[in-house]
Amino acid sequence: MSGSANVTVIGAQWGDEGKGKVVDWLSERADVVVRFQGGNNAGHTLLVDGVEHRLSLLPAGVVRPGRVAMLAGGVVLDPWAFLKEIDDIRARGVALSHDRLWVDAGVSLILPVHSRVDRAREAAAAGRALGTTGRGIGPAYEDRAGRRALRLCDLADAELLASRLGVLLHHNNALLRAFGEDEEDGDVLLRDLLEMAPRILPYARDVSLELRRATSEGLRILFEGAQGVLLDLHYGTYPYVTSSHTLASQALVSGGLAPCHLGRVLGIAKAYATRVGSGPFPSELDDEVGERLGERGREFGTVTGRRRRCGWLDVVALRHAVAVGGIDGLVLTKIDVLDGFSEVKYAVAYENSSGERVEDFRAAMGGAGPWRAVYETMPGWGGVTAGLRSYGDLPVAAREYVGRVGELCGVPVDLISTSPDRNDMIRCDEG
């Protein structure tokens, strides 16, 4: 990230790829860091000077002094979770105020009723549940699309707030009644919102205006996505997807900027694959190899604590993410988790019980599955990659694996992460 070029970071798998560390590392070279979609269903764990920071809403760049962090209009905001996260990060020694943390005044709010609807819907679905986090993200986005959402700016006008809250609750209380749940008390919720408003309104800005000012001043902007391309509302494994668009192009929509400001797009992918919740996962391993990947990779969700499903890298899915996500280069994370395996595999096609073989992700997801992965195998490496910071120090077999992934996906691997530490990063172009 040099000169005045912007960078956009998105997940290239089903989320949990290690975007937080990558954004933190890149933010040293940025002036502004912008989170552009999702809510507190995302999770980043950062290890900075031995201190662990767990973030869900705040852009990972907030841990870098002097950077301006923004939440753009495409985000949905749980105001209480937002304020708690600020309190938590301050308690860990990060100086943070509304002078360098801005939230677009038009973001839609996640309210307690949204979480209640979310959980009630999942419970009613039983074996057909989507596996959401239960944080109310989906219902909040539904209210936005239905033009009944509360926005951050509404908190400044008590009369307007009460009116719009009534419309929102009319819809959501009907859902709660249908699920056999008690209605949300509008008077209590209005009181809680008005009590909280003075704490959160100082963070409200017109983020699209601020971003246009930043571009006119030549500042370097780092756009940070949540979840991953394979969870995109349209291009992911529908209906087992998130409720927003996770592609790089969403940064422009959310930030109100022209395409020329997107900059280089980096897709973050683990050197293997994981998934949380329900949905297809052709390379999933229900064996001791999958267990080993999960244990070595500490594969538990930052937000939910749920154990992640693990498997070999799925190049079919990754190639799809590169194509629709607009990815220019890849970042491979957790390559150290593969240290010590006698062989490593990666899926290059899918096959169903009838013997039909496909190499296109969308064709498989809409076709006659279930699909199992067809693998290529490469030798593992005996050396240790953990903590390495030079490409030349990687074992030969590890370099060959990285090169093969880039070759199959049609874009280079720009960076490799070798541990959770913010400084253990390899730039592939530095040899």
Protein backbone atom coordinates (compact mmCIF):
# COMPACT_ATOMS: atom_id res chain seq x y z
CA MET A 1 0.00 0.00 0.00
CA SER A 2 2.00 2.98 -1.23
CA GLY A 3 1.52 6.47 -2.51
CA SER A 4 -2.10 7.59 -2.48
CA ALA A 5 -3.51 4.19 -3.51
CA ASN A 6 -6.49 2.84 -1.59
CA VAL A 7 -6.87 -0.81 -0.62
CA THR A 8 -10.07 -2.81 -0.10
CA VAL A 9 -9.97 -5.95 2.04
CA ILE A 10 -12.67 -8.62 1.78
CA GLY A 11 -13.03 -12.20 2.94
CA ALA A 12 -12.60 -14.76 0.17
CA GLN A 13 -14.20 -17.69 1.99
CA TRP A 14 -17.05 -18.08 4.52
CA GLY A 15 -15.67 -15.45 6.90
CA ASP A 16 -13.23 -15.93 9.80
CA GLU A 17 -10.28 -15.72 7.40
CA GLY A 18 -8.13 -13.46 9.57
CA LYS A 19 -9.15 -10.12 8.02
CA GLY A 20 -8.67 -8.31 11.32
CA LYS A 21 -4.95 -8.94 11.52
CA VAL A 22 -4.47 -8.09 7.84
CA VAL A 23 -6.42 -4.83 8.18
CA ASP A 24 -4.44 -3.97 11.31
CA TRP A 25 -1.15 -4.62 9.45
CA LEU A 26 -2.24 -2.61 6.41
CA SER A 27 -3.60 0.24 8.55
CA GLU A 28 -0.03 1.22 9.45
CA ARG A 29 0.16 2.44 5.85
CA ALA A 30 -3.32 4.03 5.79
CA ASP A 31 -4.80 7.30 7.00
CA VAL A 32 -8.45 6.22 7.16
CA VAL A 33 -9.96 2.79 7.84
CA VAL A 34 -13.59 2.20 6.84
CA ARG A 35 -15.86 -0.71 7.77
CA PHE A 36 -18.48 -0.88 5.01
CA GLN A 37 -21.03 -3.66 5.71
CA GLY A 38 -22.33 -6.12 8.29
CA GLY A 39 -22.89 -5.61 11.98
CA ASN A 40 -21.69 -7.12 15.22
CA ASN A 41 -22.02 -10.57 13.72
CA ALA A 42 -18.45 -10.12 12.48
CA GLY A 43 -15.50 -10.84 14.72
CA HIS A 44 -11.83 -9.86 14.69
CA THR A 45 -9.21 -11.01 17.18
CA LEU A 46 -6.05 -8.90 17.16
CA LEU A 47 -2.86 -9.65 19.09
CA VAL A 48 -0.96 -6.41 19.65
CA ASP A 49 2.12 -6.35 21.90
CA GLY A 50 0.79 -9.34 23.81
CA VAL A 51 -2.65 -7.76 24.34
CA GLU A 52 -5.65 -9.46 22.70
CA HIS A 53 -8.37 -7.22 21.29
CA ARG A 54 -11.72 -8.75 20.27
CA LEU A 55 -13.68 -6.50 17.92
CA SER A 56 -17.08 -7.00 16.33
CA LEU A 57 -18.18 -3.56 15.09
CA LEU A 58 -15.15 -1.32 15.29
CA PRO A 59 -12.79 -1.31 12.29
CA ALA A 60 -9.59 -3.19 13.06
CA GLY A 61 -7.63 0.01 12.37
CA VAL A 62 -8.79 1.63 15.62
CA VAL A 63 -5.86 0.04 17.46
CA ARG A 64 -3.42 2.13 15.40
CA PRO A 65 -2.88 5.60 16.93
CA GLY A 66 -3.67 8.52 14.65
CA ARG A 67 -5.88 6.65 12.20
CA VAL A 68 -9.43 7.83 11.60
CA ALA A 69 -11.89 4.92 11.76
CA MET A 70 -15.33 5.08 10.14
CA LEU A 71 -18.45 2.97 9.92
CA ALA A 72 -20.05 3.65 6.54
CA GLY A 73 -23.74 3.71 5.70
CA GLY A 74 -23.96 0.05 4.69
CA VAL A 75 -23.33 -1.09 8.27
CA VAL A 76 -26.14 -1.95 10.70
CA LEU A 77 -25.37 -0.73 14.21
CA ASP A 78 -26.30 -2.12 17.59
CA PRO A 79 -25.77 1.10 19.58
CA TRP A 80 -25.35 -0.61 22.94
CA ALA A 81 -22.86 -3.13 21.55
CA PHE A 82 -20.99 -0.27 19.88
CA LEU A 83 -20.64 1.72 23.11
CA LYS A 84 -19.61 -1.38 25.08
CA GLU A 85 -16.93 -2.19 22.53
CA ILE A 86 -15.56 1.33 22.86
CA ASP A 87 -15.47 0.95 26.65
CA ASP A 88 -13.75 -2.43 26.37
CA ILE A 89 -11.04 -1.25 23.99
CA ARG A 90 -10.37 1.83 26.10
CA ALA A 91 -9.93 -0.45 29.11
CA ARG A 92 -7.16 -2.20 27.16
CA GLY A 93 -5.27 1.04 26.70
CA VAL A 94 -6.49 2.22 23.28
CA ALA A 95 -7.26 5.95 23.25
CA LEU A 96 -10.48 6.36 21.31
CA SER A 97 -12.93 9.24 21.00
CA HIS A 98 -15.36 10.72 18.49
CA ASP A 99 -12.48 12.80 17.14
CA ARG A 100 -11.21 9.75 15.26
CA LEU A 101 -14.17 7.35 15.24
CA TRP A 102 -17.09 8.34 13.05
CA VAL A 103 -20.36 6.58 12.24
CA ASP A 104 -22.49 7.51 9.26
CA ALA A 105 -25.61 9.27 10.53
CA GLY A 106 -27.73 7.19 8.18
CA VAL A 107 -26.78 3.74 9.49
CA SER A 108 -29.74 1.57 10.48
CA LEU A 109 -29.96 0.58 14.12
CA ILE A 110 -30.17 -2.96 15.46
CA LEU A 111 -32.64 -3.00 18.35
CA PRO A 112 -33.36 -5.67 20.98
CA VAL A 113 -36.53 -6.62 19.10
CA HIS A 114 -34.42 -7.57 16.09
CA SER A 115 -32.37 -10.02 18.15
CA ARG A 116 -35.56 -11.50 19.60
CA VAL A 117 -37.08 -12.00 16.13
CA ASP A 118 -33.80 -13.49 14.89
CA ARG A 119 -33.61 -16.05 17.70
CA ALA A 120 -37.31 -16.91 17.54
CA ARG A 121 -37.09 -17.52 13.80
CA GLU A 122 -34.07 -19.79 14.19
CA ALA A 123 -35.75 -21.74 16.98
CA ALA A 124 -38.89 -22.21 14.90
CA ALA A 125 -36.85 -23.44 11.93
CA ALA A 126 -35.39 -26.31 14.00
CA GLY A 127 -33.50 -28.57 11.57
CA ARG A 128 -33.79 -25.96 8.80
CA ALA A 129 -32.11 -23.19 10.78
CA LEU A 130 -29.61 -21.01 8.93
CA GLY A 131 -27.17 -20.84 11.82
CA THR A 132 -27.26 -17.07 12.34
CA THR A 133 -25.48 -15.43 15.25
CA GLY A 134 -28.82 -14.36 16.74
CA ARG A 135 -27.61 -10.74 16.92
CA GLY A 136 -30.53 -9.34 14.89
CA ILE A 137 -28.52 -8.53 11.77
CA GLY A 138 -30.97 -10.06 9.29
CA PRO A 139 -34.12 -8.49 10.76
CA ALA A 140 -32.38 -5.10 10.90
CA TYR A 141 -31.47 -5.30 7.21
CA GLU A 142 -35.05 -6.42 6.45
CA ASP A 143 -36.38 -3.30 8.16
CA ARG A 144 -34.00 -1.16 6.14
CA ALA A 145 -35.25 -2.71 2.90
CA GLY A 146 -38.83 -2.34 4.14
CA ARG A 147 -38.24 1.38 4.83
CA ARG A 148 -39.18 1.13 8.49
CA ALA A 149 -35.70 1.12 10.08
CA LEU A 150 -34.53 3.55 12.74
CA ARG A 151 -31.38 5.42 11.76
CA LEU A 152 -28.72 6.90 13.97
CA CYS A 153 -29.77 10.45 13.06
CA ASP A 154 -33.33 9.72 14.29
CA LEU A 155 -32.03 9.67 17.87
CA ALA A 156 -31.66 13.46 17.73
CA ASP A 157 -35.42 14.06 17.39
CA ALA A 158 -37.55 12.48 20.15
CA GLU A 159 -40.86 13.03 18.37
CA LEU A 160 -39.63 11.60 15.07
CA LEU A 161 -37.98 8.71 16.92
CA ALA A 162 -41.23 7.77 18.69
CA SER A 163 -43.17 7.84 15.43
CA ARG A 164 -40.71 5.70 13.50
CA LEU A 165 -40.26 3.30 16.39
CA GLY A 166 -44.02 2.73 16.37
CA VAL A 167 -43.93 1.71 12.70
CA LEU A 168 -40.98 -0.63 13.29
CA LEU A 169 -42.61 -2.32 16.29
CA HIS A 170 -45.95 -2.70 14.51
CA HIS A 171 -44.20 -5.00 12.07
CA ASN A 172 -41.83 -6.82 14.43
CA ASN A 173 -44.31 -7.35 17.24
CA ALA A 174 -46.57 -9.11 14.74
CA LEU A 175 -43.70 -11.48 14.04
CA LEU A 176 -43.09 -12.07 17.75
CA ARG A 177 -46.77 -12.86 18.28
CA ALA A 178 -46.64 -15.34 15.39
CA PHE A 179 -43.73 -17.11 17.10
CA GLY A 180 -45.62 -17.19 20.42
CA GLU A 181 -43.38 -14.55 22.02
CA ASP A 182 -44.32 -11.51 24.11
CA GLU A 183 -44.38 -8.17 22.31
CA GLU A 184 -41.56 -5.66 22.73
CA ASP A 185 -42.51 -2.82 25.08
CA GLY A 186 -42.27 0.33 22.96
CA ASP A 187 -42.30 2.74 25.90
CA VAL A 188 -39.36 1.02 27.58
CA LEU A 189 -37.40 0.82 24.32
CA LEU A 190 -38.04 4.50 23.54
CA ARG A 191 -36.86 5.48 27.01
CA ASP A 192 -33.69 3.38 26.63
CA LEU A 193 -32.94 4.90 23.23
CA LEU A 194 -33.35 8.46 24.49
CA GLU A 195 -31.11 7.73 27.49
CA MET A 196 -28.41 6.28 25.24
CA ALA A 197 -28.62 8.94 22.51
CA PRO A 198 -26.33 11.58 24.09
CA ARG A 199 -23.52 9.02 24.31
CA ILE A 200 -23.63 7.92 20.69
CA LEU A 201 -24.72 10.99 18.71
CA PRO A 202 -21.29 12.70 18.99
CA TYR A 203 -19.93 9.93 16.73
CA ALA A 204 -22.45 10.67 13.96
CA ARG A 205 -21.07 12.15 10.71
CA ASP A 206 -21.81 12.16 7.01
CA VAL A 207 -19.23 9.48 6.25
CA SER A 208 -19.68 9.69 2.48
CA LEU A 209 -18.85 13.41 2.66
CA GLU A 210 -15.83 12.75 4.87
CA LEU A 211 -14.58 10.09 2.45
CA ARG A 212 -14.88 12.44 -0.50
CA ARG A 213 -12.87 15.01 1.45
CA ALA A 214 -10.27 12.36 2.23
CA THR A 215 -9.92 11.41 -1.43
CA SER A 216 -9.62 15.05 -2.49
CA GLU A 217 -6.81 15.48 0.05
CA GLY A 218 -4.99 12.41 -1.23
CA LEU A 219 -5.39 10.45 2.00
CA ARG A 220 -4.96 6.69 1.85
CA ILE A 221 -8.18 4.80 2.58
CA LEU A 222 -8.40 1.19 3.70
CA PHE A 223 -11.85 -0.35 3.21
CA GLU A 224 -12.66 -3.25 5.51
CA GLY A 225 -15.35 -5.81 4.76
CA ALA A 226 -16.94 -8.33 7.11
CA GLN A 227 -17.85 -12.00 6.60
CA GLY A 228 -16.75 -13.36 3.19
CA VAL A 229 -17.72 -13.58 -0.49
CA LEU A 230 -19.18 -17.07 -0.04
CA LEU A 231 -21.69 -15.55 2.40
CA ASP A 232 -22.73 -12.77 0.02
CA LEU A 233 -26.50 -12.33 -0.18
CA HIS A 234 -26.51 -12.99 -3.94
CA TYR A 235 -23.22 -14.74 -4.81
CA GLY A 236 -22.88 -16.93 -1.72
CA THR A 237 -24.37 -20.29 -0.79
CA TYR A 238 -27.95 -19.00 -0.63
CA PRO A 239 -29.96 -19.25 1.62
CA TYR A 240 -27.07 -19.97 4.00
CA VAL A 241 -25.67 -16.47 3.64
CA THR A 242 -25.45 -13.19 5.50
CA SER A 243 -27.90 -10.30 4.96
CA SER A 244 -25.58 -7.88 3.16
CA HIS A 245 -23.31 -7.81 0.14
CA THR A 246 -19.74 -8.77 0.99
CA LEU A 247 -18.11 -7.94 -2.36
CA ALA A 248 -15.54 -5.19 -2.78
CA SER A 249 -18.01 -3.18 -4.86
CA GLN A 250 -20.17 -2.75 -1.75
CA ALA A 251 -17.48 -0.45 -0.33
CA LEU A 252 -18.36 2.07 -3.04
CA VAL A 253 -22.11 1.83 -2.48
CA SER A 254 -21.75 2.08 1.28
CA GLY A 255 -19.16 4.86 1.17
CA GLY A 256 -20.79 6.88 -1.61
CA LEU A 257 -17.67 6.89 -3.78
CA ALA A 258 -16.87 6.39 -7.46
CA PRO A 259 -15.30 3.12 -8.70
CA CYS A 260 -11.91 4.78 -9.21
CA HIS A 261 -11.50 5.01 -5.43
CA LEU A 262 -11.69 1.28 -4.73
CA GLY A 263 -7.97 0.73 -5.19
CA ARG A 264 -6.36 -2.70 -5.03
CA VAL A 265 -8.65 -5.43 -3.73
CA LEU A 266 -7.15 -8.04 -1.45
CA GLY A 267 -9.03 -11.26 -0.75
CA ILE A 268 -8.20 -12.93 2.56
CA ALA A 269 -8.23 -16.73 2.67
CA LYS A 270 -6.97 -19.28 5.14
CA ALA A 271 -4.53 -21.87 3.81
CA TYR A 272 -7.32 -24.34 4.55
CA ALA A 273 -11.09 -23.75 4.86
CA THR A 274 -13.59 -23.25 7.68
CA ARG A 275 -17.27 -22.51 7.99
CA VAL A 276 -19.58 -21.64 10.91
CA GLY A 277 -23.25 -22.61 10.87
CA SER A 278 -25.24 -24.49 8.27
CA GLY A 279 -24.77 -24.70 4.52
CA PRO A 280 -22.79 -26.63 1.90
CA PHE A 281 -19.08 -27.21 2.50
CA PRO A 282 -17.76 -29.74 -0.06
CA SER A 283 -14.22 -29.97 1.38
CA GLU A 284 -15.34 -30.42 5.00
CA LEU A 285 -13.44 -33.12 6.89
CA ASP A 286 -15.28 -35.15 9.53
CA ASP A 287 -12.14 -37.03 10.54
CA GLU A 288 -8.98 -36.63 12.59
CA VAL A 289 -7.46 -34.33 9.96
CA GLY A 290 -10.40 -31.96 10.36
CA GLU A 291 -10.03 -32.20 14.13
CA ARG A 292 -6.32 -31.45 13.86
CA LEU A 293 -6.95 -28.38 11.72
CA GLY A 294 -9.55 -27.11 14.21
CA GLU A 295 -7.34 -27.65 17.24
CA ARG A 296 -4.19 -26.17 15.71
CA GLY A 297 -6.09 -23.24 14.22
CA ARG A 298 -8.10 -22.58 17.41
CA GLU A 299 -11.22 -22.60 15.29
CA PHE A 300 -13.85 -21.10 17.53
CA GLY A 301 -15.94 -18.08 16.52
CA THR A 302 -14.92 -14.71 18.00
CA VAL A 303 -18.55 -13.59 18.27
CA THR A 304 -20.40 -16.81 19.09
CA GLY A 305 -17.74 -19.16 20.43
CA ARG A 306 -19.12 -21.87 18.14
CA ARG A 307 -16.73 -24.49 16.83
CA ARG A 308 -15.97 -23.99 13.15
CA ARG A 309 -16.27 -26.74 10.59
CA CYS A 310 -12.86 -27.43 9.02
CA GLY A 311 -11.56 -28.84 5.75
CA TRP A 312 -8.92 -28.57 3.06
CA LEU A 313 -8.68 -25.42 0.97
CA ASP A 314 -11.44 -25.20 -1.66
CA VAL A 315 -9.91 -23.68 -4.79
CA VAL A 316 -13.21 -23.96 -6.71
CA ALA A 317 -14.89 -21.68 -4.18
CA LEU A 318 -11.85 -19.44 -3.91
CA ARG A 319 -11.69 -18.95 -7.68
CA HIS A 320 -15.36 -17.94 -7.62
CA ALA A 321 -14.65 -15.43 -4.84
CA VAL A 322 -11.80 -13.93 -6.85
CA ALA A 323 -14.04 -13.53 -9.90
CA VAL A 324 -17.16 -11.99 -8.37
CA GLY A 325 -15.37 -10.22 -5.53
CA GLY A 326 -13.13 -8.24 -7.84
CA ILE A 327 -10.02 -9.57 -6.08
CA ASP A 328 -6.62 -8.48 -7.44
CA GLY A 329 -4.43 -10.39 -5.00
CA LEU A 330 -4.76 -12.96 -2.22
CA VAL A 331 -3.56 -13.00 1.36
CA LEU A 332 -3.08 -16.51 2.76
CA THR A 333 -3.45 -16.69 6.53
CA LYS A 334 -2.73 -19.45 9.05
CA ILE A 335 -0.27 -21.25 6.81
CA ASP A 336 1.49 -22.28 10.02
CA VAL A 337 -1.51 -24.49 10.88
CA LEU A 338 -0.41 -26.78 8.02
CA ASP A 339 3.09 -27.22 9.46
CA GLY A 340 3.89 -30.88 10.03
CA PHE A 341 1.30 -32.42 7.69
CA SER A 342 2.88 -35.13 5.53
CA GLU A 343 0.70 -34.00 2.65
CA VAL A 344 -1.66 -31.11 1.94
CA LYS A 345 -4.72 -31.17 -0.30
CA TYR A 346 -6.91 -28.64 -2.07
CA ALA A 347 -10.21 -29.11 -3.90
CA VAL A 348 -10.05 -28.51 -7.66
CA ALA A 349 -13.51 -29.84 -8.61
CA TYR A 350 -16.72 -31.29 -7.16
CA GLU A 351 -18.38 -34.62 -7.86
CA ASN A 352 -21.85 -35.90 -6.97
CA SER A 353 -23.15 -39.43 -6.37
CA SER A 354 -23.95 -39.81 -10.06
CA GLY A 355 -20.33 -39.15 -11.01
CA GLU A 356 -21.04 -35.73 -12.49
CA ARG A 357 -18.01 -33.48 -12.14
CA VAL A 358 -18.07 -29.67 -12.09
CA GLU A 359 -15.37 -27.05 -11.66
CA ASP A 360 -17.68 -24.03 -11.39
CA PHE A 361 -18.86 -23.01 -7.93
CA ARG A 362 -22.22 -21.49 -8.88
CA ALA A 363 -23.08 -24.41 -11.14
CA ALA A 364 -22.51 -26.76 -8.22
CA MET A 365 -24.44 -24.71 -5.69
CA GLY A 366 -27.46 -24.63 -7.99
CA GLY A 367 -27.12 -28.18 -9.28
CA ALA A 368 -27.78 -31.79 -8.34
CA GLY A 369 -25.73 -32.19 -5.18
CA PRO A 370 -24.71 -32.97 -2.56
CA TRP A 371 -21.19 -32.52 -3.86
CA ARG A 372 -17.93 -33.92 -2.55
CA ALA A 373 -14.55 -32.40 -3.22
CA VAL A 374 -12.09 -33.78 -5.77
CA TYR A 375 -8.55 -33.06 -4.59
CA GLU A 376 -5.05 -32.50 -5.81
CA THR A 377 -2.35 -33.49 -3.32
CA MET A 378 1.05 -31.94 -2.68
CA PRO A 379 3.81 -32.92 -0.25
CA GLY A 380 3.71 -31.22 3.11
CA TRP A 381 6.69 -29.45 4.62
CA GLY A 382 8.84 -30.58 7.50
CA GLY A 383 9.99 -27.09 8.40
CA VAL A 384 8.21 -24.52 10.56
CA THR A 385 6.52 -21.50 9.00
CA ALA A 386 5.20 -20.04 12.28
CA GLY A 387 6.63 -16.58 12.91
CA LEU A 388 8.50 -16.28 9.59
CA ARG A 389 8.66 -12.85 7.94
CA SER A 390 10.63 -13.54 4.76
CA TYR A 391 9.35 -15.42 1.72
CA GLY A 392 12.79 -16.95 1.17
CA ASP A 393 12.68 -18.53 4.63
CA LEU A 394 9.54 -20.55 3.84
CA PRO A 395 10.12 -24.27 3.22
CA VAL A 396 10.27 -25.07 -0.50
CA ALA A 397 7.10 -27.17 -0.32
CA ALA A 398 5.24 -24.29 1.36
CA ARG A 399 6.32 -21.90 -1.41
CA GLU A 400 5.16 -24.42 -4.02
CA TYR A 401 1.77 -24.68 -2.29
CA VAL A 402 1.37 -20.91 -2.24
CA GLY A 403 2.37 -20.66 -5.89
CA ARG A 404 -0.07 -23.37 -6.93
CA VAL A 405 -2.96 -21.64 -5.15
CA GLY A 406 -2.23 -18.38 -6.96
CA GLU A 407 -1.87 -20.19 -10.29
CA LEU A 408 -5.24 -21.94 -9.94
CA CYS A 409 -7.02 -18.76 -8.84
CA GLY A 410 -5.50 -16.56 -11.53
CA VAL A 411 -4.21 -13.88 -9.14
CA PRO A 412 -0.99 -13.64 -7.13
CA VAL A 413 -0.63 -14.33 -3.45
CA ASP A 414 0.58 -10.94 -2.21
CA LEU A 415 0.91 -11.62 1.52
CA ILE A 416 1.22 -14.60 3.86
CA SER A 417 0.36 -14.51 7.57
CA THR A 418 2.40 -16.91 9.69
CA SER A 419 0.96 -16.36 13.18
CA PRO A 420 -1.64 -14.25 15.04
CA ASP A 421 1.02 -11.63 15.87
CA ARG A 422 0.52 -8.40 13.90
CA ASN A 423 4.14 -8.37 12.67
CA ASP A 424 4.40 -11.98 11.45
CA MET A 425 3.57 -11.21 7.84
CA ILE A 426 5.42 -12.05 4.62
CA ARG A 427 5.37 -9.86 1.53
CA CYS A 428 5.76 -12.26 -1.37
CA ASP A 429 7.25 -9.63 -3.67
CA GLU A 430 10.20 -9.14 -1.30
CA GLY A 431 11.46 -12.68 -1.79
